[in-house]
């Protein structure tokens, strides 16, 4: 999608919402409903911070993954994941403030000016949202601007990398959790192939159907890379995944290679990188590919290999999506790693 031109927008605003927590020092944290303008739309989020301003504290921008995923890490038909909400709560226990926001197409932000022109939405729209969110966070009272961290989950890691390598607001450290680690269409192709093979093995489709879907996927990827278009009437449900409505975003996102972005980080940038043997969306092999790019920076990388943790960072060895919304514990290993990371970052 392309961004719309700059237009008059409402000023930054805040309003309290009922939520509080205390850090080990006894500092009580609260949450505020906030909003900030981005090129003709208003982005809504949650600013979690000490109830009383004292010594400046480090702060983290949390960026959600793909699809209409809101500030808490939930999707319209899949609530209860709470990936970003849980991280914000964990961070405040460590005395770290945070901002999480409803990206375009989710939560209170909604589609805004793109409600009738979804096909115009490209990478730039989401990048501008993230850039504005980081700038907004840096301006919050009581934030230590020298200790700004960006943590991206899944696709959100791509935008975290863009901020760390391109934003004018300095990013001190970076969290890339179950990150998009290869070119976007390569990842989608691998996921589709895995699903086709599983369906074939289960007898849900024939060999001929599997071949038809795989060939159609390859042609769609070639078309997106050639001219940004998607063939009509793709078989096997592919039209729900690759459609004219998201063709612009997919073709633009695919031009970004995460390892190449990672290699452009400022040398010695602290990076927390995670993967899990139970994540069926991002493999540890994929994340190793990104880690190789981080080595070229070189970044100060801590790669945490999780065991029995799902893509949404819950203790769940099932290797399915069926329990994403279940009230399962957040990864204890990642909790420890986050605490160590923010204490040194």
Protein backbone atom coordinates (compact mmCIF):
# COMPACT_ATOMS: atom_id res chain seq x y z
CA UNK A 1 0.00 0.00 0.00
CA UNK A 2 1.14 3.54 -0.58
CA UNK A 3 0.87 6.13 2.12
CA UNK A 4 -1.49 9.01 1.76
CA UNK A 5 -0.26 12.56 1.79
CA UNK A 6 0.24 14.38 5.04
CA UNK A 7 -3.00 15.88 6.30
CA UNK A 8 -4.24 17.66 9.37
CA UNK A 9 -4.25 15.20 12.27
CA UNK A 10 -5.23 15.31 15.91
CA UNK A 11 -2.59 16.10 18.47
CA UNK A 12 -1.04 13.38 20.64
CA UNK A 13 -3.46 12.48 23.40
CA UNK A 14 -3.57 10.35 26.51
CA UNK A 15 -6.29 9.08 28.82
CA UNK A 16 -6.00 6.74 31.79
CA UNK A 17 -7.17 3.13 31.73
CA UNK A 18 -7.37 0.90 34.81
CA UNK A 19 -4.18 -1.18 35.06
CA UNK A 20 -1.26 -1.18 37.46
CA UNK A 21 1.74 -3.21 38.53
CA UNK A 22 4.74 -2.74 40.79
CA UNK A 23 8.42 -3.24 39.97
CA UNK A 24 10.85 -4.82 42.49
CA UNK A 25 11.76 -1.31 43.63
CA UNK A 26 8.14 -0.74 44.60
CA UNK A 27 7.46 1.63 41.72
CA UNK A 28 3.83 1.31 40.64
CA UNK A 29 3.16 1.15 36.90
CA UNK A 30 -0.04 2.31 35.23
CA UNK A 31 -1.43 2.19 31.71
CA UNK A 32 -2.75 5.07 29.65
CA UNK A 33 -4.73 5.02 26.44
CA UNK A 34 -2.77 7.14 23.96
CA UNK A 35 -2.96 8.16 20.33
CA UNK A 36 -0.66 9.83 17.82
CA UNK A 37 -1.05 11.05 14.23
CA UNK A 38 0.51 9.36 11.21
CA UNK A 39 -0.08 10.77 7.72
CA UNK A 40 -3.80 11.36 7.95
CA UNK A 41 -4.70 8.57 10.36
CA UNK A 42 -4.77 8.26 14.12
CA UNK A 43 -2.95 5.33 15.72
CA UNK A 44 -4.14 4.20 19.15
CA UNK A 45 -2.08 2.41 21.76
CA UNK A 46 -1.24 1.76 25.39
CA UNK A 47 1.53 3.60 27.22
CA UNK A 48 2.62 1.67 30.34
CA UNK A 49 4.82 3.67 32.70
CA UNK A 50 5.58 4.54 36.34
CA UNK A 51 2.66 6.17 38.12
CA UNK A 52 4.93 8.89 39.38
CA UNK A 53 7.72 10.46 37.42
CA UNK A 54 11.12 10.07 38.98
CA UNK A 55 14.46 9.02 37.57
CA UNK A 56 14.17 8.47 33.77
CA UNK A 57 13.46 4.84 32.93
CA UNK A 58 14.30 2.74 29.87
CA UNK A 59 11.42 2.14 27.47
CA UNK A 60 10.44 -0.45 24.88
CA UNK A 61 8.35 -0.17 21.72
CA UNK A 62 6.47 -3.43 21.08
CA UNK A 63 5.50 -4.26 17.48
CA UNK A 64 2.95 -6.95 16.64
CA UNK A 65 3.15 -9.65 13.98
CA UNK A 66 1.31 -10.09 10.69
CA UNK A 67 -2.35 -9.62 9.91
CA UNK A 68 -4.84 -7.52 11.90
CA UNK A 69 -2.98 -8.13 15.16
CA UNK A 70 -3.71 -5.49 17.79
CA UNK A 71 -1.66 -3.85 20.51
CA UNK A 72 -2.08 -6.82 22.86
CA UNK A 73 -1.08 -9.38 20.24
CA UNK A 74 -4.62 -10.59 19.45
CA UNK A 75 -6.52 -11.03 16.18
CA UNK A 76 -10.28 -10.66 15.57
CA UNK A 77 -10.98 -14.40 15.47
CA UNK A 78 -8.16 -15.44 17.77
CA UNK A 79 -8.11 -13.64 21.10
CA UNK A 80 -6.37 -14.74 24.26
CA UNK A 81 -2.88 -14.77 22.76
CA UNK A 82 -1.94 -11.55 24.60
CA UNK A 83 1.68 -11.82 23.40
CA UNK A 84 2.51 -8.10 23.60
CA UNK A 85 0.32 -7.39 26.62
CA UNK A 86 2.14 -10.09 28.58
CA UNK A 87 5.53 -8.72 27.55
CA UNK A 88 4.52 -5.21 28.60
CA UNK A 89 3.57 -6.53 32.03
CA UNK A 90 6.85 -8.44 32.35
CA UNK A 91 8.83 -5.37 31.35
CA UNK A 92 7.16 -3.15 33.93
CA UNK A 93 8.09 -5.62 36.66
CA UNK A 94 11.69 -4.94 35.61
CA UNK A 95 11.12 -1.18 35.82
CA UNK A 96 10.85 -0.69 32.05
CA UNK A 97 8.13 1.42 30.41
CA UNK A 98 6.54 0.35 27.14
CA UNK A 99 4.34 1.42 24.26
CA UNK A 100 2.25 -1.00 22.22
CA UNK A 101 -0.16 0.08 19.52
CA UNK A 102 -2.99 -1.04 17.25
CA UNK A 103 -1.39 -1.06 13.84
CA UNK A 104 -3.42 -0.24 10.73
CA UNK A 105 -6.31 -2.68 10.32
CA UNK A 106 -6.52 -3.68 13.97
CA UNK A 107 -8.11 -2.60 17.23
CA UNK A 108 -9.19 0.98 17.73
CA UNK A 109 -6.97 2.23 14.88
CA UNK A 110 -8.88 0.24 12.28
CA UNK A 111 -8.33 0.89 8.59
CA UNK A 112 -8.76 4.65 8.90
CA UNK A 113 -8.33 6.35 5.52
CA UNK A 114 -7.68 2.97 3.88
CA UNK A 115 -11.13 1.53 4.63
CA UNK A 116 -12.13 1.73 0.97
CA UNK A 117 -8.68 1.27 -0.57
CA UNK A 118 -6.99 -1.64 1.17
CA UNK A 119 -5.07 -2.48 -2.00
CA UNK A 120 -3.14 0.79 -1.57
CA UNK A 121 -1.53 -0.36 1.67
CA UNK A 122 2.16 -1.16 1.33
CA UNK A 123 5.12 -1.59 3.63
CA UNK A 124 5.53 2.17 3.96
CA UNK A 125 2.28 2.59 5.88
CA UNK A 126 3.36 0.20 8.62
CA UNK A 127 6.89 1.55 8.65
CA UNK A 128 5.59 5.09 9.16
CA UNK A 129 3.36 3.88 12.00
CA UNK A 130 6.33 2.26 13.72
CA UNK A 131 8.51 5.33 13.17
CA UNK A 132 5.86 7.64 14.63
CA UNK A 133 5.35 5.27 17.57
CA UNK A 134 9.07 5.29 18.38
CA UNK A 135 9.19 9.08 18.19
CA UNK A 136 6.10 9.32 20.40
CA UNK A 137 7.68 6.99 22.95
CA UNK A 138 10.93 8.96 23.01
CA UNK A 139 8.97 12.13 23.86
CA UNK A 140 7.11 10.64 26.84
CA UNK A 141 7.93 12.30 30.18
CA UNK A 142 10.27 10.18 32.27
CA UNK A 143 11.71 8.15 29.40
CA UNK A 144 15.48 7.75 29.13
CA UNK A 145 15.99 8.48 25.41
CA UNK A 146 19.41 6.82 25.55
CA UNK A 147 17.82 3.47 26.43
CA UNK A 148 15.12 2.92 23.83
CA UNK A 149 14.55 -0.68 22.79
CA UNK A 150 12.36 -1.99 19.97
CA UNK A 151 10.97 -5.52 20.27
CA UNK A 152 9.25 -7.02 17.24
CA UNK A 153 7.38 -10.31 17.26
CA UNK A 154 7.20 -12.39 14.06
CA UNK A 155 6.60 -9.96 11.15
CA UNK A 156 7.02 -7.13 13.67
CA UNK A 157 10.73 -7.98 13.75
CA UNK A 158 11.02 -6.76 10.16
CA UNK A 159 9.78 -3.32 11.19
CA UNK A 160 11.98 -3.39 14.28
CA UNK A 161 14.98 -3.89 11.99
CA UNK A 162 13.82 -1.05 9.73
CA UNK A 163 13.60 1.27 12.74
CA UNK A 164 17.02 0.25 14.04
CA UNK A 165 18.67 0.86 10.66
CA UNK A 166 16.69 3.82 9.31
CA UNK A 167 14.84 5.79 12.02
CA UNK A 168 16.17 9.17 13.11
CA UNK A 169 15.24 8.32 16.72
CA UNK A 170 18.19 6.24 17.97
CA UNK A 171 17.44 2.62 18.88
CA UNK A 172 19.74 1.39 21.62
CA UNK A 173 18.81 -2.30 21.54
CA UNK A 174 16.64 -4.70 19.61
CA UNK A 175 14.44 -7.73 20.36
CA UNK A 176 13.63 -10.06 17.46
CA UNK A 177 11.29 -12.75 18.79
CA UNK A 178 10.34 -15.66 16.51
CA UNK A 179 11.24 -13.23 13.72
CA UNK A 180 10.57 -13.12 10.03
CA UNK A 181 14.05 -14.23 8.99
CA UNK A 182 13.93 -14.70 5.22
CA UNK A 183 12.31 -12.89 2.31
CA UNK A 184 8.56 -12.70 2.83
CA UNK A 185 7.44 -14.77 -0.15
CA UNK A 186 10.04 -17.44 0.56
CA UNK A 187 8.54 -17.84 4.04
CA UNK A 188 4.97 -18.00 2.72
CA UNK A 189 5.99 -20.53 0.07
CA UNK A 190 7.64 -22.75 2.66
CA UNK A 191 4.55 -22.60 4.89
CA UNK A 192 2.24 -23.46 1.99
CA UNK A 193 4.46 -26.36 0.97
CA UNK A 194 4.42 -27.74 4.52
CA UNK A 195 0.62 -27.49 4.66
CA UNK A 196 0.23 -29.19 1.28
CA UNK A 197 2.45 -32.08 2.33
CA UNK A 198 0.54 -32.49 5.58
CA UNK A 199 -2.79 -32.52 3.74
CA UNK A 200 -1.45 -34.99 1.18
CA UNK A 201 -0.16 -37.30 3.90
CA UNK A 202 -3.51 -37.13 5.68
CA UNK A 203 -5.32 -38.02 2.48
CA UNK A 204 -7.18 -34.70 2.33
CA UNK A 205 -5.93 -33.89 -1.18
CA UNK A 206 -4.64 -35.92 -4.11
CA UNK A 207 -1.15 -35.84 -5.57
CA UNK A 208 -2.51 -34.04 -8.62
CA UNK A 209 -4.15 -31.38 -6.43
CA UNK A 210 -0.94 -30.92 -4.44
CA UNK A 211 1.04 -30.42 -7.65
CA UNK A 212 -1.53 -27.94 -8.98
CA UNK A 213 -1.36 -25.84 -5.79
CA UNK A 214 2.44 -25.91 -5.65
CA UNK A 215 2.72 -24.85 -9.31
CA UNK A 216 0.18 -22.05 -8.77
CA UNK A 217 2.09 -20.82 -5.73
CA UNK A 218 5.35 -20.71 -7.67
CA UNK A 219 3.70 -18.76 -10.52
CA UNK A 220 2.09 -16.32 -8.06
CA UNK A 221 5.43 -15.64 -6.38
CA UNK A 222 7.09 -15.08 -9.75
CA UNK A 223 4.31 -12.66 -10.74
CA UNK A 224 4.52 -10.71 -7.49
CA UNK A 225 8.27 -10.38 -7.86
CA UNK A 226 8.05 -9.41 -11.52
CA UNK A 227 5.31 -6.77 -11.51
CA UNK A 228 3.50 -6.86 -8.13
CA UNK A 229 0.39 -8.59 -9.41
CA UNK A 230 -1.38 -11.81 -8.43
CA UNK A 231 -3.00 -14.24 -10.90
CA UNK A 232 -6.75 -14.64 -10.58
CA UNK A 233 -8.53 -17.76 -9.33
CA UNK A 234 -5.65 -19.38 -7.49
CA UNK A 235 -6.49 -22.95 -6.37
CA UNK A 236 -6.49 -24.55 -2.94
CA UNK A 237 -7.40 -21.46 -0.95
CA UNK A 238 -4.34 -19.54 -2.17
CA UNK A 239 -6.54 -16.59 -3.15
CA UNK A 240 -7.19 -15.97 0.55
CA UNK A 241 -3.44 -15.75 1.12
CA UNK A 242 -2.38 -13.98 -2.08
CA UNK A 243 -4.97 -11.51 -3.31
CA UNK A 244 -5.10 -8.16 -5.11
CA UNK A 245 -5.86 -6.57 -1.73
CA UNK A 246 -2.49 -7.53 -0.28
CA UNK A 247 -0.41 -7.81 -3.46
CA UNK A 248 1.25 -4.41 -2.98
CA UNK A 249 2.27 -5.18 0.59
CA UNK A 250 3.58 -8.66 -0.27
CA UNK A 251 5.63 -7.51 -3.25
CA UNK A 252 7.15 -4.63 -1.27
CA UNK A 253 7.81 -6.68 1.87
CA UNK A 254 9.49 -9.37 -0.23
CA UNK A 255 12.09 -6.87 -1.41
CA UNK A 256 13.33 -6.58 2.16
CA UNK A 257 15.81 -9.27 3.16
CA UNK A 258 16.04 -9.46 6.98
CA UNK A 259 19.67 -10.71 7.10
CA UNK A 260 20.75 -7.84 4.85
CA UNK A 261 18.92 -5.34 7.08
CA UNK A 262 20.53 -6.94 10.14
CA UNK A 263 23.99 -6.53 8.63
CA UNK A 264 23.35 -2.78 8.52
CA UNK A 265 22.87 -2.40 12.28
CA UNK A 266 25.19 -0.17 14.24
CA UNK A 267 28.10 -2.30 15.47
CA UNK A 268 27.66 -3.89 18.91
CA UNK A 269 23.92 -3.19 19.04
CA UNK A 270 22.49 -5.47 21.78
CA UNK A 271 20.05 -7.94 20.16
CA UNK A 272 17.84 -10.57 21.77
CA UNK A 273 16.94 -13.22 19.19
CA UNK A 274 14.65 -16.19 19.83
CA UNK A 275 13.49 -19.36 18.12
CA UNK A 276 11.68 -22.49 19.31
CA UNK A 277 11.57 -26.15 18.33
CA UNK A 278 7.76 -26.02 18.67
CA UNK A 279 7.22 -22.96 16.46
CA UNK A 280 5.57 -24.13 13.24
CA UNK A 281 5.69 -20.68 11.63
CA UNK A 282 9.34 -19.73 12.12
CA UNK A 283 12.00 -22.43 12.36
CA UNK A 284 15.32 -22.24 14.18
CA UNK A 285 16.98 -22.87 10.80
CA UNK A 286 15.32 -19.70 9.52
CA UNK A 287 16.46 -17.73 12.55
CA UNK A 288 20.02 -18.98 12.08
CA UNK A 289 19.82 -17.35 8.65
CA UNK A 290 19.02 -14.02 10.33
CA UNK A 291 21.70 -14.59 12.97
CA UNK A 292 24.28 -14.81 10.18
CA UNK A 293 23.28 -11.32 9.08
CA UNK A 294 23.59 -10.04 12.64
CA UNK A 295 27.14 -11.42 12.79
CA UNK A 296 28.09 -9.20 9.86
CA UNK A 297 27.12 -6.01 11.73
CA UNK A 298 28.48 -7.31 14.12
CA UNK A 299 25.70 -7.15 16.70
CA UNK A 300 25.95 -8.21 20.32
CA UNK A 301 23.49 -11.06 19.85
CA UNK A 302 21.97 -13.38 22.43
CA UNK A 303 20.23 -16.23 20.56
CA UNK A 304 17.78 -17.99 22.88
CA UNK A 305 16.67 -21.44 21.71
CA UNK A 306 13.35 -22.27 23.31
CA UNK A 307 11.94 -25.75 23.84
CA UNK A 308 8.23 -26.55 23.73
CA UNK A 309 7.18 -22.94 23.09
CA UNK A 310 4.68 -21.94 20.41
CA UNK A 311 4.95 -19.07 17.95
CA UNK A 312 2.91 -16.88 20.32
CA UNK A 313 5.52 -17.52 23.05
CA UNK A 314 3.43 -19.79 25.26
CA UNK A 315 4.50 -23.05 26.87
CA UNK A 316 2.94 -25.36 24.27
CA UNK A 317 4.81 -28.24 22.61
CA UNK A 318 1.80 -29.29 20.48
CA UNK A 319 3.17 -27.83 17.21
CA UNK A 320 -0.30 -26.69 16.16
CA UNK A 321 -2.15 -23.37 16.16
CA UNK A 322 -5.06 -24.86 18.10
CA UNK A 323 -3.90 -23.62 21.51
CA UNK A 324 -2.68 -20.13 20.60
CA UNK A 325 -5.58 -18.53 22.46
CA UNK A 326 -5.57 -20.88 25.45
CA UNK A 327 -4.58 -19.49 28.89
CA UNK A 328 -1.15 -21.16 28.87
CA UNK A 329 1.94 -19.77 30.64
CA UNK A 330 4.25 -17.40 28.79
CA UNK A 331 7.64 -19.00 28.14
CA UNK A 332 9.60 -19.08 31.40
CA UNK A 333 12.91 -19.30 29.51
CA UNK A 334 12.09 -16.25 27.42
CA UNK A 335 10.93 -14.40 30.54
CA UNK A 336 14.37 -14.96 32.06
CA UNK A 337 16.06 -13.88 28.84
CA UNK A 338 13.95 -10.70 28.61
CA UNK A 339 14.78 -9.78 32.17
CA UNK A 340 18.50 -10.25 31.59
CA UNK A 341 18.33 -8.39 28.28
CA UNK A 342 16.59 -5.25 29.57
CA UNK A 343 18.83 -5.15 32.63
CA UNK A 344 21.95 -4.88 30.46
CA UNK A 345 20.55 -3.14 27.39
